[in-house]
C-alpha atoms as a PDB file:
ATOM      1  CA  MET A   1     -13.787  47.044  -0.816  1.00  0.00           C
ATOM      2  CA  SER A   2     -12.954  47.345  -4.474  1.00  0.00           C
ATOM      3  CA  ALA A   3     -13.233  44.512  -6.954  1.00  0.00           C
ATOM      4  CA  ALA A   4      -9.449  44.438  -7.417  1.00  0.00           C
ATOM      5  CA  THR A   5      -8.723  43.670  -3.756  1.00  0.00           C
ATOM      6  CA  ALA A   6     -11.586  41.257  -3.156  1.00  0.00           C
ATOM      7  CA  THR A   7     -10.624  37.613  -2.980  1.00  0.00           C
ATOM      8  CA  LEU A   8     -12.813  34.659  -3.659  1.00  0.00           C
ATOM      9  CA  PRO A   9     -13.424  32.254  -0.788  1.00  0.00           C
ATOM     10  CA  GLY A  10     -11.544  29.371  -2.406  1.00  0.00           C
ATOM     11  CA  SER A  11      -8.624  31.328  -3.878  1.00  0.00           C
ATOM     12  CA  THR A  12      -5.113  31.277  -2.445  1.00  0.00           C
ATOM     13  CA  SER A  13      -2.000  33.317  -2.980  1.00  0.00           C
ATOM     14  CA  PRO A  14       0.433  32.358  -5.754  1.00  0.00           C
ATOM     15  CA  GLY A  15       3.015  31.404  -3.112  1.00  0.00           C
ATOM     16  CA  ARG A  16       0.639  28.878  -1.581  1.00  0.00           C
ATOM     17  CA  GLN A  17      -0.248  27.494  -4.978  1.00  0.00           C
ATOM     18  CA  THR A  18       3.432  27.077  -5.804  1.00  0.00           C
ATOM     19  CA  LEU A  19       4.093  25.382  -2.446  1.00  0.00           C
ATOM     20  CA  ALA A  20       1.110  23.059  -3.010  1.00  0.00           C
ATOM     21  CA  ALA A  21       2.385  22.203  -6.503  1.00  0.00           C
ATOM     22  CA  LEU A  22       5.861  21.436  -5.142  1.00  0.00           C
ATOM     23  CA  LEU A  23       4.391  19.300  -2.388  1.00  0.00           C
ATOM     24  CA  GLY A  24       2.313  17.452  -4.978  1.00  0.00           C
ATOM     25  CA  ILE A  25       5.404  16.804  -7.098  1.00  0.00           C
ATOM     26  CA  VAL A  26       7.322  15.474  -4.073  1.00  0.00           C
ATOM     27  CA  ILE A  27       4.414  13.182  -3.097  1.00  0.00           C
ATOM     28  CA  LEU A  28       4.073  11.976  -6.693  1.00  0.00           C
ATOM     29  CA  PHE A  29       7.822  11.240  -6.858  1.00  0.00           C
ATOM     30  CA  TRP A  30       7.723   9.491  -3.469  1.00  0.00           C
ATOM     31  CA  THR A  31       4.808   7.346  -4.648  1.00  0.00           C
ATOM     32  CA  LEU A  32       6.121   6.415  -8.099  1.00  0.00           C
ATOM     33  CA  LEU A  33       9.779   5.773  -7.156  1.00  0.00           C
ATOM     34  CA  PRO A  34       9.189   2.275  -5.700  1.00  0.00           C
ATOM     35  CA  ILE A  35       7.128   1.269  -8.711  1.00  0.00           C
ATOM     36  CA  TYR A  36       9.870   2.542 -11.037  1.00  0.00           C
ATOM     37  CA  ASN A  37      12.449   0.581  -9.016  1.00  0.00           C
ATOM     38  CA  MET A  38      10.411  -2.635  -9.305  1.00  0.00           C
ATOM     39  CA  VAL A  39      10.099  -2.214 -13.059  1.00  0.00           C
ATOM     40  CA  ILE A  40      13.824  -1.523 -13.461  1.00  0.00           C
ATOM     41  CA  VAL A  41      14.804  -4.530 -11.354  1.00  0.00           C
ATOM     42  CA  SER A  42      12.409  -6.764 -13.323  1.00  0.00           C
ATOM     43  CA  LEU A  43      13.956  -5.642 -16.647  1.00  0.00           C
ATOM     44  CA  GLN A  44      17.560  -6.350 -15.601  1.00  0.00           C
ATOM     45  CA  SER A  45      19.454  -9.606 -15.801  1.00  0.00           C
ATOM     46  CA  ASN A  46      20.418 -11.345 -12.549  1.00  0.00           C
ATOM     47  CA  ASP A  47      24.008 -10.133 -12.593  1.00  0.00           C
ATOM     48  CA  ALA A  48      23.054  -6.478 -13.224  1.00  0.00           C
ATOM     49  CA  ILE A  49      20.425  -6.088 -10.483  1.00  0.00           C
ATOM     50  CA  PHE A  50      22.723  -4.185  -8.126  1.00  0.00           C
ATOM     51  CA  SER A  51      24.061  -1.800 -10.777  1.00  0.00           C
ATOM     52  CA  SER A  52      23.612   1.950 -10.289  1.00  0.00           C
ATOM     53  CA  ASN A  53      22.211   2.627 -13.754  1.00  0.00           C
ATOM     54  CA  ILE A  54      19.027   4.661 -14.028  1.00  0.00           C
ATOM     55  CA  TRP A  55      17.890   2.503 -16.936  1.00  0.00           C
ATOM     56  CA  PRO A  56      19.233  -1.011 -17.733  1.00  0.00           C
ATOM     57  CA  LYS A  57      21.826  -1.148 -20.503  1.00  0.00           C
ATOM     58  CA  GLN A  58      20.313  -4.327 -21.900  1.00  0.00           C
ATOM     59  CA  PRO A  59      16.678  -4.635 -20.747  1.00  0.00           C
ATOM     60  CA  THR A  60      15.289  -8.142 -20.952  1.00  0.00           C
ATOM     61  CA  LEU A  61      11.871  -9.707 -20.499  1.00  0.00           C
ATOM     62  CA  SER A  62      13.290 -13.087 -19.510  1.00  0.00           C
ATOM     63  CA  THR A  63      12.133 -12.722 -15.900  1.00  0.00           C
ATOM     64  CA  TYR A  64       8.551 -12.225 -17.051  1.00  0.00           C
ATOM     65  CA  HIS A  65       8.851 -15.252 -19.326  1.00  0.00           C
ATOM     66  CA  THR A  66      10.183 -17.303 -16.397  1.00  0.00           C
ATOM     67  CA  VAL A  67       7.227 -16.337 -14.192  1.00  0.00           C
ATOM     68  CA  VAL A  68       4.532 -16.803 -16.813  1.00  0.00           C
ATOM     69  CA  THR A  69       5.818 -20.174 -17.996  1.00  0.00           C
ATOM     70  CA  GLU A  70       6.783 -21.366 -14.460  1.00  0.00           C
ATOM     71  CA  ASN A  71      10.270 -22.341 -15.681  1.00  0.00           C
ATOM     72  CA  TYR A  72      11.899 -22.124 -12.265  1.00  0.00           C
ATOM     73  CA  TRP A  73      11.569 -24.626  -9.418  1.00  0.00           C
ATOM     74  CA  TYR A  74      10.414 -21.948  -7.005  1.00  0.00           C
ATOM     75  CA  LEU A  75       7.621 -20.920  -9.381  1.00  0.00           C
ATOM     76  CA  GLU A  76       6.208 -24.368 -10.168  1.00  0.00           C
ATOM     77  CA  ASP A  77       2.757 -23.567  -8.816  1.00  0.00           C
ATOM     78  CA  PHE A  78       2.772 -19.800  -9.346  1.00  0.00           C
ATOM     79  CA  TRP A  79      -0.676 -19.523 -10.940  1.00  0.00           C
ATOM     80  CA  ILE A  80      -2.273 -21.777  -8.340  1.00  0.00           C
ATOM     81  CA  GLN A  81      -0.701 -19.722  -5.563  1.00  0.00           C
ATOM     82  CA  MET A  82      -1.827 -16.501  -7.272  1.00  0.00           C
ATOM     83  CA  LEU A  83      -5.405 -17.822  -7.482  1.00  0.00           C
ATOM     84  CA  ASN A  84      -5.278 -18.862  -3.812  1.00  0.00           C
ATOM     85  CA  SER A  85      -4.070 -15.408  -2.810  1.00  0.00           C
ATOM     86  CA  LEU A  86      -6.804 -13.788  -4.843  1.00  0.00           C
ATOM     87  CA  LEU A  87      -9.481 -15.978  -3.294  1.00  0.00           C
ATOM     88  CA  VAL A  88      -8.225 -15.351   0.237  1.00  0.00           C
ATOM     89  CA  GLY A  89      -8.041 -11.587  -0.400  1.00  0.00           C
ATOM     90  CA  VAL A  90     -11.518 -11.316  -1.899  1.00  0.00           C
ATOM     91  CA  GLY A  91     -13.028 -13.632   0.740  1.00  0.00           C
ATOM     92  CA  THR A  92     -11.413 -11.672   3.570  1.00  0.00           C
ATOM     93  CA  ALA A  93     -12.595  -8.357   2.120  1.00  0.00           C
ATOM     94  CA  LEU A  94     -16.172  -9.638   1.816  1.00  0.00           C
ATOM     95  CA  ILE A  95     -16.211 -10.989   5.374  1.00  0.00           C
ATOM     96  CA  VAL A  96     -14.717  -7.787   6.791  1.00  0.00           C
ATOM     97  CA  VAL A  97     -17.189  -5.584   4.937  1.00  0.00           C
ATOM     98  CA  GLY A  98     -20.100  -7.759   6.080  1.00  0.00           C
ATOM     99  CA  ILE A  99     -19.083  -7.819   9.740  1.00  0.00           C
ATOM    100  CA  ALA A 100     -18.185  -4.115   9.779  1.00  0.00           C
ATOM    101  CA  SER A 101     -21.521  -3.172   8.178  1.00  0.00           C
ATOM    102  CA  LEU A 102     -23.503  -5.229  10.658  1.00  0.00           C
ATOM    103  CA  ALA A 103     -21.497  -3.886  13.615  1.00  0.00           C
ATOM    104  CA  SER A 104     -21.846  -0.299  12.461  1.00  0.00           C
ATOM    105  CA  PHE A 105     -25.587  -0.720  11.993  1.00  0.00           C
ATOM    106  CA  ALA A 106     -25.936  -2.273  15.481  1.00  0.00           C
ATOM    107  CA  ILE A 107     -23.901   0.483  17.150  1.00  0.00           C
ATOM    108  CA  THR A 108     -25.943   3.177  15.426  1.00  0.00           C
ATOM    109  CA  ARG A 109     -29.305   1.544  15.912  1.00  0.00           C
ATOM    110  CA  LEU A 110     -28.847   0.605  19.575  1.00  0.00           C
ATOM    111  CA  ARG A 111     -27.420   4.042  20.464  1.00  0.00           C
ATOM    112  CA  ILE A 112     -24.695   2.618  22.652  1.00  0.00           C
ATOM    113  CA  ARG A 113     -23.015   5.096  24.992  1.00  0.00           C
ATOM    114  CA  PHE A 114     -19.581   5.978  23.565  1.00  0.00           C
ATOM    115  CA  GLY A 115     -20.534   4.092  20.408  1.00  0.00           C
ATOM    116  CA  TRP A 116     -18.500   6.545  18.356  1.00  0.00           C
ATOM    117  CA  LEU A 117     -15.394   5.495  20.293  1.00  0.00           C
ATOM    118  CA  LEU A 118     -16.170   1.845  19.700  1.00  0.00           C
ATOM    119  CA  SER A 119     -16.670   2.347  15.964  1.00  0.00           C
ATOM    120  CA  ASN A 120     -13.469   4.406  15.673  1.00  0.00           C
ATOM    121  CA  ALA A 121     -11.365   1.921  17.650  1.00  0.00           C
ATOM    122  CA  ALA A 122     -10.517   0.054  14.457  1.00  0.00           C
ATOM    123  CA  LEU A 123      -9.127   3.233  12.964  1.00  0.00           C
ATOM    124  CA  LEU A 124      -6.901   3.709  15.994  1.00  0.00           C
ATOM    125  CA  THR A 125      -5.061   0.509  15.089  1.00  0.00           C
ATOM    126  CA  TYR A 126      -3.729   2.237  11.952  1.00  0.00           C
ATOM    127  CA  VAL A 127      -1.921   4.730  14.186  1.00  0.00           C
ATOM    128  CA  ILE A 128       0.514   1.977  15.253  1.00  0.00           C
ATOM    129  CA  PRO A 129       3.334   1.688  12.715  1.00  0.00           C
ATOM    130  CA  ALA A 130       3.872  -1.767  11.232  1.00  0.00           C
ATOM    131  CA  SER A 131       7.496  -1.744  12.445  1.00  0.00           C
ATOM    132  CA  PHE A 132       6.233  -2.029  16.032  1.00  0.00           C
ATOM    133  CA  LEU A 133       4.756  -5.403  15.124  1.00  0.00           C
ATOM    134  CA  ALA A 134       8.255  -6.813  14.632  1.00  0.00           C
ATOM    135  CA  ILE A 135       8.634  -7.390  18.370  1.00  0.00           C
ATOM    136  CA  PRO A 136       5.483  -9.505  18.861  1.00  0.00           C
ATOM    137  CA  PHE A 137       6.163 -11.393  15.610  1.00  0.00           C
ATOM    138  CA  TYR A 138       9.663 -12.139  16.830  1.00  0.00           C
ATOM    139  CA  LYS A 139       8.250 -13.440  20.121  1.00  0.00           C
ATOM    140  CA  ILE A 140       5.743 -15.644  18.271  1.00  0.00           C
ATOM    141  CA  MET A 141       8.448 -17.051  16.007  1.00  0.00           C
ATOM    142  CA  ASP A 142      10.584 -17.754  19.081  1.00  0.00           C
ATOM    143  CA  GLY A 143       7.640 -19.567  20.674  1.00  0.00           C
ATOM    144  CA  TYR A 144       7.353 -21.821  17.629  1.00  0.00           C
ATOM    145  CA  HIS A 145      11.168 -22.287  17.474  1.00  0.00           C
ATOM    146  CA  LEU A 146      11.378 -20.680  14.025  1.00  0.00           C
ATOM    147  CA  LEU A 147      14.294 -18.343  14.705  1.00  0.00           C
END
């Protein structure tokens, strides 16, 4: 085999590299489009939210001022609610990491039969799309007469 025809183990053809670059661009666009949309909606006035402009004609920071200064009745306790959400999120994360670490250690140390299946069962829950949870949530809300 000559040096000109030899390929390195990690190299790919230019066609594959182009396809990978295009896939990367599509994924980047798919990821950044919702963030762009949120920024655009936040910079528009209330009457221009449903316009089809790519960029607002008259961008305004009044919505940010309203949130920061709590100048709207719905946002009276915004910073307290934000702190509560942060505390609940951090506390939940710490509890989950602690329990998962202890459970993983116990499963590994005790050498439970089919322990790998038990430890991967939590990952299987991510296979279920969130839209399937609408049915049980609807049933719960019906049970509490919240429909």
